[in-house]
N, C-alpha and C. Protein backbone atom coordinates (compact mmCIF):
# COMPACT_ATOMS: atom_id res chain seq x y z
N UNK A 1 124.63 100.65 75.51
CA UNK A 1 124.05 101.23 76.16
C UNK A 1 124.70 102.38 76.75
N UNK A 2 123.73 103.65 76.90
CA UNK A 2 124.61 104.77 77.49
C UNK A 2 125.14 104.73 78.80
N UNK A 3 126.02 105.43 79.54
CA UNK A 3 126.53 105.49 80.85
C UNK A 3 125.77 105.73 81.60
N UNK A 4 125.68 105.35 83.02
CA UNK A 4 124.94 106.18 84.03
C UNK A 4 125.06 107.58 84.05
N UNK A 5 123.82 108.43 83.90
CA UNK A 5 123.74 109.60 84.04
C UNK A 5 124.17 110.32 85.36
N UNK A 6 123.80 109.31 86.50
CA UNK A 6 123.79 109.86 88.07
C UNK A 6 124.54 108.32 88.53
N UNK A 7 125.72 108.62 89.36
CA UNK A 7 125.88 107.79 90.14
C UNK A 7 125.64 107.66 91.33
N UNK A 8 124.85 106.39 92.02
CA UNK A 8 124.02 106.63 93.08
C UNK A 8 124.80 105.18 94.01
N UNK A 9 125.25 106.04 95.43
CA UNK A 9 125.98 105.00 96.12
C UNK A 9 125.44 104.99 97.47
N UNK A 10 124.41 104.18 97.62
CA UNK A 10 123.79 104.32 99.01
C UNK A 10 124.45 103.56 100.26
N UNK A 11 124.36 104.35 101.54
CA UNK A 11 125.49 103.71 102.67
C UNK A 11 124.10 102.30 103.06
N UNK A 12 124.58 101.27 103.67
CA UNK A 12 123.78 100.31 104.38
C UNK A 12 122.28 100.97 105.34
N UNK A 13 122.75 102.23 105.84
CA UNK A 13 121.56 102.75 106.25
C UNK A 13 120.66 103.49 105.07
N UNK A 14 121.16 103.93 104.37
CA UNK A 14 120.16 104.70 103.10
C UNK A 14 119.22 103.45 102.64
N UNK A 15 120.23 102.16 102.41
CA UNK A 15 119.29 101.23 101.53
C UNK A 15 118.48 100.52 102.41
N UNK A 16 118.78 100.64 103.78
CA UNK A 16 117.71 99.71 104.76
C UNK A 16 116.72 100.96 104.57
N UNK A 17 116.83 102.10 104.70
CA UNK A 17 115.66 103.21 105.20
C UNK A 17 114.56 103.03 103.80
N UNK A 18 115.36 102.85 102.32
CA UNK A 18 114.61 102.97 101.24
C UNK A 18 113.64 101.19 101.16
N UNK A 19 114.39 100.64 101.52
CA UNK A 19 113.78 98.99 101.55
C UNK A 19 112.45 98.95 102.13
N UNK A 20 112.67 99.84 103.64
CA UNK A 20 111.64 100.24 104.53
C UNK A 20 110.39 100.90 103.84
N UNK A 21 110.68 101.55 103.21
CA UNK A 21 109.73 102.66 102.51
C UNK A 21 109.13 101.44 101.46
N UNK A 22 109.66 101.06 100.69
CA UNK A 22 109.06 100.00 99.36
C UNK A 22 108.26 98.61 100.41
N UNK A 23 108.61 98.59 101.24
CA UNK A 23 108.06 97.24 102.22
C UNK A 23 106.62 97.60 102.71
N UNK A 24 106.89 98.79 103.06
CA UNK A 24 105.44 98.89 103.99
C UNK A 24 104.37 99.66 103.34
N UNK A 25 104.39 100.27 102.43
CA UNK A 25 103.92 100.87 101.38
C UNK A 25 102.79 101.79 101.82
N UNK A 26 103.13 102.41 103.01
CA UNK A 26 102.37 103.46 103.92
C UNK A 26 103.14 104.77 103.22
N UNK A 27 103.34 105.04 101.97
CA UNK A 27 104.02 106.29 101.64
C UNK A 27 103.30 106.64 100.22
N UNK A 28 103.84 108.04 99.74
CA UNK A 28 103.25 108.22 98.44
C UNK A 28 103.37 107.26 97.65
N UNK A 29 102.68 107.13 96.47
CA UNK A 29 103.19 106.22 95.38
C UNK A 29 104.72 106.75 94.55
N UNK A 30 104.59 108.31 94.67
CA UNK A 30 105.81 108.55 93.92
C UNK A 30 106.94 108.36 94.72
N UNK A 31 106.93 108.39 95.89
CA UNK A 31 107.83 108.08 96.80
C UNK A 31 108.38 106.75 96.69
N UNK A 32 107.27 105.84 96.83
CA UNK A 32 107.69 104.41 96.89
C UNK A 32 108.42 104.32 95.55
N UNK A 33 107.97 104.81 94.48
CA UNK A 33 108.73 104.43 93.24
C UNK A 33 109.92 105.08 93.15
N UNK A 34 110.19 106.46 93.63
CA UNK A 34 111.49 106.82 93.62
C UNK A 34 112.67 106.23 94.25
N UNK A 35 111.91 105.36 95.74
CA UNK A 35 112.92 104.58 96.18
C UNK A 35 113.10 103.16 96.11
N UNK A 36 112.13 102.81 94.69
CA UNK A 36 112.72 101.35 93.94
C UNK A 36 113.89 101.85 93.19
N UNK A 37 113.40 102.87 92.66
CA UNK A 37 114.83 103.56 91.52
C UNK A 37 115.54 103.78 91.91
N UNK A 38 115.95 104.14 93.23
CA UNK A 38 117.40 104.36 94.21
C UNK A 38 117.89 102.90 94.09
N UNK A 39 116.97 102.07 94.92
CA UNK A 39 117.92 101.09 95.49
C UNK A 39 118.09 100.31 93.93
N UNK A 40 117.22 100.51 92.56
CA UNK A 40 118.03 99.60 91.53
C UNK A 40 119.34 100.31 90.94
N UNK A 41 119.28 101.66 91.21
CA UNK A 41 120.45 102.29 90.46
C UNK A 41 121.50 102.41 91.50
N UNK A 42 121.63 101.75 92.89
CA UNK A 42 122.72 101.55 93.76
C UNK A 42 123.97 100.91 93.32
N UNK A 43 125.09 101.41 93.06
CA UNK A 43 126.02 100.66 92.92
C UNK A 43 126.72 99.70 93.73
N UNK A 44 126.21 99.99 95.03
CA UNK A 44 126.28 98.79 95.61
C UNK A 44 125.53 97.60 96.12
N UNK A 45 124.60 98.02 95.04
CA UNK A 45 123.45 96.67 94.81
C UNK A 45 124.12 95.42 94.34
N UNK A 46 123.64 94.17 94.68
CA UNK A 46 124.56 93.05 94.51
C UNK A 46 124.56 92.89 92.98
N UNK A 47 123.80 93.43 92.14
CA UNK A 47 124.05 93.23 90.70
C UNK A 47 124.71 94.19 90.12
N UNK A 48 125.30 95.09 90.86
CA UNK A 48 126.04 96.32 90.38
C UNK A 48 125.09 97.82 90.13
N UNK A 49 124.20 97.42 90.38
CA UNK A 49 123.15 98.85 90.22
C UNK A 49 122.58 98.52 88.48
N UNK A 50 121.46 98.97 88.06
CA UNK A 50 121.30 98.99 86.79
C UNK A 50 121.59 99.96 86.39
N UNK A 51 121.54 100.10 84.89
CA UNK A 51 121.76 101.33 84.24
C UNK A 51 120.45 101.88 84.03
N UNK A 52 120.82 103.35 83.65
CA UNK A 52 119.75 104.16 83.50
C UNK A 52 118.67 103.80 82.53
N UNK A 53 118.93 103.16 81.19
CA UNK A 53 117.75 102.80 80.21
C UNK A 53 117.22 101.04 80.98
N UNK A 54 117.97 100.51 81.90
CA UNK A 54 117.24 99.40 82.36
C UNK A 54 116.03 99.88 83.57
N UNK A 55 116.34 100.88 84.11
CA UNK A 55 115.43 101.61 85.18
C UNK A 55 114.33 102.38 84.38
N UNK A 56 114.77 103.00 83.66
CA UNK A 56 113.39 103.47 82.72
C UNK A 56 112.76 102.65 81.98
N UNK A 57 113.17 101.28 81.42
CA UNK A 57 112.30 100.48 80.91
C UNK A 57 111.45 99.39 81.79
N UNK A 58 111.86 99.38 83.31
CA UNK A 58 111.44 98.56 84.26
C UNK A 58 110.21 99.60 84.78
N UNK A 59 110.83 100.84 85.30
CA UNK A 59 109.62 101.23 85.99
C UNK A 59 108.59 102.26 84.63
N UNK A 60 108.55 102.20 83.68
CA UNK A 60 108.28 103.08 82.54
C UNK A 60 108.11 104.69 82.63
N UNK A 61 109.34 105.19 82.52
CA UNK A 61 109.38 106.26 82.70
C UNK A 61 110.82 107.12 82.27
N UNK A 62 110.75 108.09 81.85
CA UNK A 62 111.89 108.85 81.17
C UNK A 62 113.20 109.35 82.11
N UNK A 63 114.15 109.34 81.17
CA UNK A 63 115.43 109.55 81.95
C UNK A 63 115.38 111.37 82.28
N UNK A 64 114.50 111.86 82.61
CA UNK A 64 114.67 113.44 83.03
C UNK A 64 115.19 113.43 84.47
N UNK A 65 115.60 114.55 84.35
CA UNK A 65 116.84 114.91 85.69
C UNK A 65 115.91 114.70 86.98
N UNK A 66 114.78 114.37 87.38
CA UNK A 66 113.95 114.07 88.61
C UNK A 66 114.12 112.65 88.48
N UNK A 67 114.84 111.51 87.84
CA UNK A 67 114.89 110.35 87.87
C UNK A 67 115.46 109.88 89.28
N UNK A 68 116.21 110.50 89.66
CA UNK A 68 116.70 109.72 91.04
C UNK A 68 116.23 110.53 92.34
N UNK A 69 115.42 111.62 92.49
CA UNK A 69 115.00 112.51 93.11
C UNK A 69 113.84 111.93 94.13
N UNK A 70 113.78 111.76 95.47
CA UNK A 70 113.00 111.27 96.26
C UNK A 70 112.34 112.30 97.26
């Protein structure tokens, strides 16, 4: 699989904030989806962060430049 296009490194505070967005469900669907993507891409994730193709496959998205924008 190709290398990661963007390296995402979240601080514990950023991770907590994104997890809050995904758990409450009180945000726009696109914002919640982007939060999920960032959490999966985080290299500090216990699994080491998913690669771009795995994220694209899981969320049925393309690898466009807006992949990690929130």
